[in-house]
Amino acid sequence: MSDVAAAFDDGPAFVPYLAAGDPDAESTEEYVRALVRGGADVVELGLPFSEPIAEGPTIQAAVARALSGGMTPDRYFELVEDLDVDVPIVCMTYYNLIYQYGDSEAQSASDESGETASKGPRPFVERAAALGIEGFVVVDLPAEEADDLRAACDEFGLDLIFIIAPTTRGERLERMREQVSGYVYVQARLGVTGARDDVSDQTDESLARIADWDVPKAVGFGIKTGEHAERIVAAGADGIIVGSALVDIVAEGHENDDPTEAVARRLEEKARELKAGALRGAGQTPQVE
């Protein structure tokens, strides 16, 4: 069992998302550590892409801040290398960045050696594994086209996590079942990411469709409060994924020019709220610290 899957063993997992480099790499490091102190079991650390088609306004703005601050794949890897946390880091990004990184690495190696180097996703996955990344969520990669990335993940021992939408059925769903590892990301509602004031009634149906899958099921899209987390876990989820509600805290701190430490404290408090709600949903008593 991978470390990512094992993070769900002791009860419902809390999986927060942040965009790396929002608003800068040093702040991101502090924010990730704060979320881990608050109860994060896995961290989805987004590698910003210039065309984040699956994201709502909140995360699009975070991606824009990160890119304007100079975040690149290499700087992302440096950030991950500097992190010192005891939970798995999952890279959430778009396939173009993974594949083009292979192209650039291959060209560089070819120029130096005169030989043709490997292209495609393998160089990115190899470097990610060397720096401690333990899995990928690739937002725009269909399972039908994931063989190369799946092979690279298998070679270096990383998980490949797929997003199941409320409309995912038939052959595509079965293909995801064959390829997925670590956990499956269950999209709670149609549309793009973003914090909501209610929990979608599509969640129960989505969980029922994959009830017999042998990987943990983590629900995301729209979770904002501890009450939301409690209801999602009570509906059968093995964990919760929260992005926009946390990125909102980062954005507010950036707009107000708040100290990094103050923003980190607010993130830790929100993490504790969300983790406690998830535990209540599973009938467990949250620890009070």
Protein backbone atom coordinates (compact mmCIF):
# COMPACT_ATOMS: atom_id res chain seq x y z
CA MET A 1 0.00 0.00 0.00
CA SER A 2 1.30 3.45 -0.87
CA ASP A 3 1.71 6.21 1.71
CA VAL A 4 -1.07 8.13 -0.05
CA ALA A 5 -3.58 5.30 0.34
CA ALA A 6 -2.37 4.60 3.90
CA ALA A 7 -3.23 8.18 4.88
CA PHE A 8 -6.89 7.11 4.84
CA ASP A 9 -6.39 4.15 7.18
CA ASP A 10 -7.07 5.83 10.54
CA GLY A 11 -10.30 7.57 9.65
CA PRO A 12 -11.48 10.15 7.13
CA ALA A 13 -8.58 11.99 5.51
CA PHE A 14 -8.39 15.74 5.11
CA VAL A 15 -6.75 16.66 1.80
CA PRO A 16 -6.19 20.41 1.34
CA TYR A 17 -5.16 22.07 -1.91
CA LEU A 18 -2.96 25.13 -2.36
CA ALA A 19 -1.43 26.63 -5.49
CA ALA A 20 2.35 26.56 -5.20
CA GLY A 21 3.80 30.06 -5.28
CA ASP A 22 0.63 31.86 -4.18
CA PRO A 23 1.64 34.55 -3.47
CA ASP A 24 5.27 33.32 -3.28
CA ALA A 25 7.17 30.12 -2.58
CA GLU A 26 8.22 31.02 0.96
CA SER A 27 4.64 31.74 2.00
CA THR A 28 3.44 28.50 0.40
CA GLU A 29 5.90 26.54 2.52
CA GLU A 30 4.56 28.14 5.71
CA TYR A 31 0.97 27.60 4.61
CA VAL A 32 1.53 23.91 3.89
CA ARG A 33 3.12 23.42 7.30
CA ALA A 34 0.17 25.19 8.93
CA LEU A 35 -2.32 22.90 7.18
CA VAL A 36 -0.39 19.85 8.34
CA ARG A 37 -0.44 21.15 11.92
CA GLY A 38 -4.18 21.59 11.50
CA GLY A 39 -4.74 17.97 10.55
CA ALA A 40 -3.97 17.52 6.84
CA ASP A 41 -3.31 13.89 5.96
CA VAL A 42 -2.30 14.49 2.32
CA VAL A 43 -1.54 17.81 0.61
CA GLU A 44 -2.47 18.50 -3.00
CA LEU A 45 0.07 21.09 -4.09
CA GLY A 46 -0.94 22.66 -7.37
CA LEU A 47 1.64 23.30 -10.09
CA PRO A 48 0.17 26.40 -11.77
CA PHE A 49 -0.76 26.24 -15.45
CA SER A 50 -1.66 29.21 -17.61
CA GLU A 51 -4.96 27.68 -18.79
CA PRO A 52 -6.61 26.17 -15.68
CA ILE A 53 -9.82 25.11 -17.40
CA ALA A 54 -11.24 23.13 -14.47
CA GLU A 55 -10.81 25.92 -11.94
CA GLY A 56 -13.24 28.53 -10.72
CA PRO A 57 -12.39 32.21 -10.17
CA THR A 58 -10.78 31.67 -6.76
CA ILE A 59 -8.14 29.19 -7.92
CA GLN A 60 -7.71 30.92 -11.28
CA ALA A 61 -6.72 34.05 -9.36
CA ALA A 62 -4.32 32.02 -7.19
CA VAL A 63 -2.72 30.53 -10.31
CA ALA A 64 -2.35 34.01 -11.80
CA ARG A 65 -0.65 35.29 -8.64
CA ALA A 66 1.71 32.32 -8.61
CA LEU A 67 2.64 32.64 -12.27
CA SER A 68 3.19 36.39 -11.98
CA GLY A 69 5.49 35.63 -9.05
CA GLY A 70 7.63 33.43 -11.28
CA MET A 71 6.45 29.91 -10.42
CA THR A 72 7.72 27.31 -12.89
CA PRO A 73 8.05 23.51 -12.79
CA ASP A 74 11.67 23.78 -11.65
CA ARG A 75 10.80 26.29 -8.92
CA TYR A 76 7.94 24.01 -7.93
CA PHE A 77 10.39 21.15 -7.47
CA GLU A 78 12.64 23.39 -5.38
CA LEU A 79 9.68 24.29 -3.16
CA VAL A 80 8.79 20.63 -2.65
CA GLU A 81 12.41 19.82 -1.82
CA ASP A 82 12.40 22.52 0.87
CA LEU A 83 9.20 21.26 2.49
CA ASP A 84 9.68 19.27 5.67
CA VAL A 85 6.30 17.68 6.38
CA ASP A 86 5.39 14.14 7.33
CA VAL A 87 2.39 13.74 5.02
CA PRO A 88 2.33 12.74 1.34
CA ILE A 89 2.52 15.51 -1.26
CA VAL A 90 0.43 15.04 -4.40
CA CYS A 91 1.11 17.21 -7.44
CA MET A 92 -2.08 18.55 -9.01
CA THR A 93 -1.52 19.99 -12.47
CA TYR A 94 -2.21 19.74 -16.21
CA TYR A 95 -0.63 17.27 -18.59
CA ASN A 96 0.91 19.89 -20.88
CA LEU A 97 3.40 20.85 -18.16
CA ILE A 98 4.32 17.24 -17.46
CA TYR A 99 4.80 16.35 -21.11
CA GLN A 100 6.62 19.53 -22.10
CA TYR A 101 9.01 19.12 -19.20
CA GLY A 102 9.99 15.81 -20.78
CA ASP A 103 10.56 17.55 -24.10
CA SER A 104 12.81 20.22 -22.58
CA GLU A 105 14.79 17.72 -20.54
CA ALA A 106 15.23 15.48 -23.57
CA GLN A 107 16.47 18.38 -25.67
CA SER A 108 18.92 19.47 -22.98
CA ALA A 109 20.30 15.95 -22.57
CA SER A 110 20.54 15.51 -26.33
CA ASP A 111 22.44 18.77 -26.70
CA GLU A 112 24.96 17.74 -24.05
CA SER A 113 25.51 14.12 -25.05
CA GLY A 114 24.69 14.02 -28.73
CA GLU A 115 22.26 11.18 -28.02
CA THR A 116 18.49 11.15 -28.08
CA ALA A 117 17.03 11.18 -24.55
CA SER A 118 13.63 9.95 -23.44
CA LYS A 119 10.65 12.25 -23.92
CA GLY A 120 7.14 12.34 -22.55
CA PRO A 121 6.11 12.20 -18.89
CA ARG A 122 8.93 10.02 -17.58
CA PRO A 123 11.51 12.79 -16.81
CA PHE A 124 8.95 14.79 -14.85
CA VAL A 125 7.82 11.76 -12.87
CA GLU A 126 11.39 10.69 -12.19
CA ARG A 127 12.32 14.08 -10.77
CA ALA A 128 9.08 14.32 -8.79
CA ALA A 129 9.75 10.94 -7.19
CA ALA A 130 13.33 11.88 -6.34
CA LEU A 131 12.12 14.98 -4.47
CA GLY A 132 9.41 13.20 -2.47
CA ILE A 133 6.22 13.74 -4.44
CA GLU A 134 4.05 10.66 -4.04
CA GLY A 135 1.25 11.05 -6.56
CA PHE A 136 -0.41 13.06 -9.31
CA VAL A 137 -3.82 14.48 -10.06
CA VAL A 138 -3.75 15.50 -13.74
CA VAL A 139 -6.90 17.47 -14.31
CA ASP A 140 -7.10 17.30 -18.10
CA LEU A 141 -5.73 13.81 -18.80
CA PRO A 142 -8.38 11.27 -19.86
CA ALA A 143 -7.86 7.75 -18.56
CA GLU A 144 -7.85 6.53 -22.16
CA GLU A 145 -4.69 8.55 -22.80
CA ALA A 146 -2.93 7.94 -19.50
CA ASP A 147 -0.92 4.82 -20.32
CA ASP A 148 2.44 6.59 -20.57
CA LEU A 149 1.98 8.47 -17.33
CA ARG A 150 0.65 5.36 -15.59
CA ALA A 151 3.74 3.44 -16.74
CA ALA A 152 6.08 6.15 -15.45
CA CYS A 153 4.24 6.25 -12.12
CA ASP A 154 4.53 2.48 -11.81
CA GLU A 155 8.26 2.64 -12.59
CA PHE A 156 8.95 5.17 -9.85
CA GLY A 157 6.32 4.10 -7.34
CA LEU A 158 3.91 7.05 -7.55
CA ASP A 159 0.14 7.07 -7.45
CA LEU A 160 -2.08 8.32 -10.26
CA ILE A 161 -5.35 9.80 -9.04
CA PHE A 162 -8.32 10.40 -11.33
CA ILE A 163 -11.27 12.76 -10.94
CA ILE A 164 -14.70 11.14 -11.22
CA ALA A 165 -17.38 13.62 -12.32
CA PRO A 166 -21.10 13.11 -11.65
CA THR A 167 -21.45 12.28 -15.35
CA THR A 168 -18.58 9.76 -15.57
CA ARG A 169 -19.96 6.37 -16.53
CA GLY A 170 -19.50 3.38 -18.83
CA GLU A 171 -16.15 2.58 -20.44
CA ARG A 172 -14.45 5.72 -19.14
CA LEU A 173 -15.37 4.84 -15.56
CA GLU A 174 -14.05 1.31 -16.01
CA ARG A 175 -10.84 2.61 -17.54
CA MET A 176 -10.33 4.88 -14.54
CA ARG A 177 -10.91 1.94 -12.23
CA GLU A 178 -8.12 0.03 -13.98
CA GLN A 179 -5.66 2.94 -13.78
CA VAL A 180 -6.35 4.69 -10.48
CA SER A 181 -4.24 4.32 -7.35
CA GLY A 182 -3.82 6.17 -4.06
CA TYR A 183 -7.37 7.51 -3.93
CA VAL A 184 -10.08 8.55 -6.33
CA TYR A 185 -11.12 12.21 -6.40
CA VAL A 186 -14.92 12.30 -6.46
CA GLN A 187 -16.21 15.55 -7.92
CA ALA A 188 -19.18 16.51 -5.79
CA ARG A 189 -20.91 18.58 -8.45
CA LEU A 190 -20.73 19.60 -12.09
CA GLY A 191 -18.89 22.76 -13.03
CA VAL A 192 -15.62 24.24 -11.84
CA THR A 193 -14.01 24.41 -8.42
CA GLY A 194 -15.20 26.87 -5.81
CA ALA A 195 -16.46 27.03 -2.24
CA ARG A 196 -20.24 26.71 -1.92
CA ASP A 197 -22.81 27.32 0.77
CA ASP A 198 -24.43 23.90 0.37
CA VAL A 199 -23.50 20.28 -0.28
CA SER A 200 -24.49 18.84 -3.64
CA ASP A 201 -27.02 16.01 -3.70
CA GLN A 202 -24.96 14.49 -6.55
CA THR A 203 -22.40 13.29 -4.02
CA ASP A 204 -24.36 10.26 -2.81
CA GLU A 205 -24.96 9.06 -6.36
CA SER A 206 -21.32 9.49 -7.35
CA LEU A 207 -20.13 7.55 -4.31
CA ALA A 208 -22.65 4.77 -4.94
CA ARG A 209 -21.33 4.26 -8.49
CA ILE A 210 -17.84 3.46 -7.21
CA ALA A 211 -18.71 1.86 -3.88
CA ASP A 212 -16.95 -1.40 -4.78
CA TRP A 213 -13.66 0.23 -5.88
CA ASP A 214 -10.73 -0.83 -3.71
CA VAL A 215 -9.23 2.65 -3.31
CA PRO A 216 -10.27 5.38 -0.86
CA LYS A 217 -12.88 7.84 -2.11
CA ALA A 218 -12.20 11.52 -1.38
CA VAL A 219 -14.85 14.11 -2.25
CA GLY A 220 -14.03 17.62 -3.41
CA PHE A 221 -15.58 20.66 -5.16
CA GLY A 222 -17.50 23.04 -2.93
CA ILE A 223 -16.60 21.95 0.63
CA LYS A 224 -16.32 25.06 2.76
CA THR A 225 -17.16 24.31 6.41
CA GLY A 226 -16.83 21.66 9.06
CA GLU A 227 -20.53 20.93 8.66
CA HIS A 228 -20.01 20.27 4.94
CA ALA A 229 -17.16 17.91 5.78
CA GLU A 230 -19.29 16.07 8.31
CA ARG A 231 -22.13 15.57 5.85
CA ILE A 232 -19.82 14.38 3.06
CA VAL A 233 -18.15 11.76 5.25
CA ALA A 234 -21.48 10.67 6.69
CA ALA A 235 -22.60 10.05 3.09
CA GLY A 236 -19.81 7.49 2.69
CA ALA A 237 -16.69 9.42 1.67
CA ASP A 238 -13.32 8.26 2.98
CA GLY A 239 -12.00 11.80 2.93
CA ILE A 240 -12.55 15.40 1.89
CA ILE A 241 -10.63 17.61 -0.54
CA VAL A 242 -10.77 21.35 0.11
CA GLY A 243 -9.22 24.02 -2.10
CA SER A 244 -11.13 27.23 -2.70
CA ALA A 245 -12.09 27.80 0.94
CA LEU A 246 -8.38 27.74 1.81
CA VAL A 247 -7.24 29.74 -1.20
CA ASP A 248 -9.80 32.39 -0.20
CA ILE A 249 -7.91 32.81 3.10
CA VAL A 250 -4.62 33.18 1.22
CA ALA A 251 -6.16 35.71 -1.18
CA GLU A 252 -7.65 37.79 1.63
CA GLY A 253 -4.32 37.86 3.42
CA HIS A 254 -2.55 38.91 0.24
CA GLU A 255 -5.05 41.68 -0.48
CA ASN A 256 -4.76 43.01 3.08
CA ASP A 257 -0.97 42.66 3.11
CA ASP A 258 -1.23 40.50 6.24
CA PRO A 259 1.91 38.87 7.63
CA THR A 260 2.51 35.31 6.46
CA GLU A 261 2.29 34.09 10.05
CA ALA A 262 -1.21 35.55 10.48
CA VAL A 263 -2.46 33.90 7.30
CA ALA A 264 -0.88 30.63 8.36
CA ARG A 265 -2.73 30.75 11.68
CA ARG A 266 -6.05 31.24 9.91
CA LEU A 267 -5.30 28.32 7.58
CA GLU A 268 -4.47 26.12 10.55
CA GLU A 269 -7.73 27.07 12.26
CA LYS A 270 -9.77 26.30 9.14
CA ALA A 271 -7.93 23.01 8.74
CA ARG A 272 -8.83 22.01 12.30
CA GLU A 273 -12.47 22.89 11.64
CA LEU A 274 -12.60 20.80 8.47
CA LYS A 275 -10.74 17.83 9.95
CA ALA A 276 -12.99 17.86 13.02
CA GLY A 277 -16.09 17.88 10.82
CA ALA A 278 -14.80 14.92 8.83
CA LEU A 279 -14.13 12.98 12.02
CA ARG A 280 -17.63 13.70 13.33
CA GLY A 281 -19.05 12.43 10.06
CA ALA A 282 -17.32 9.11 10.70
CA GLY A 283 -18.56 8.96 14.29
CA GLN A 284 -15.13 9.78 15.70
CA THR A 285 -14.42 12.33 18.40
CA PRO A 286 -12.11 15.14 17.25
CA GLN A 287 -9.06 15.70 19.41
CA VAL A 288 -8.95 19.06 21.14
CA GLU A 289 -5.53 20.71 21.28
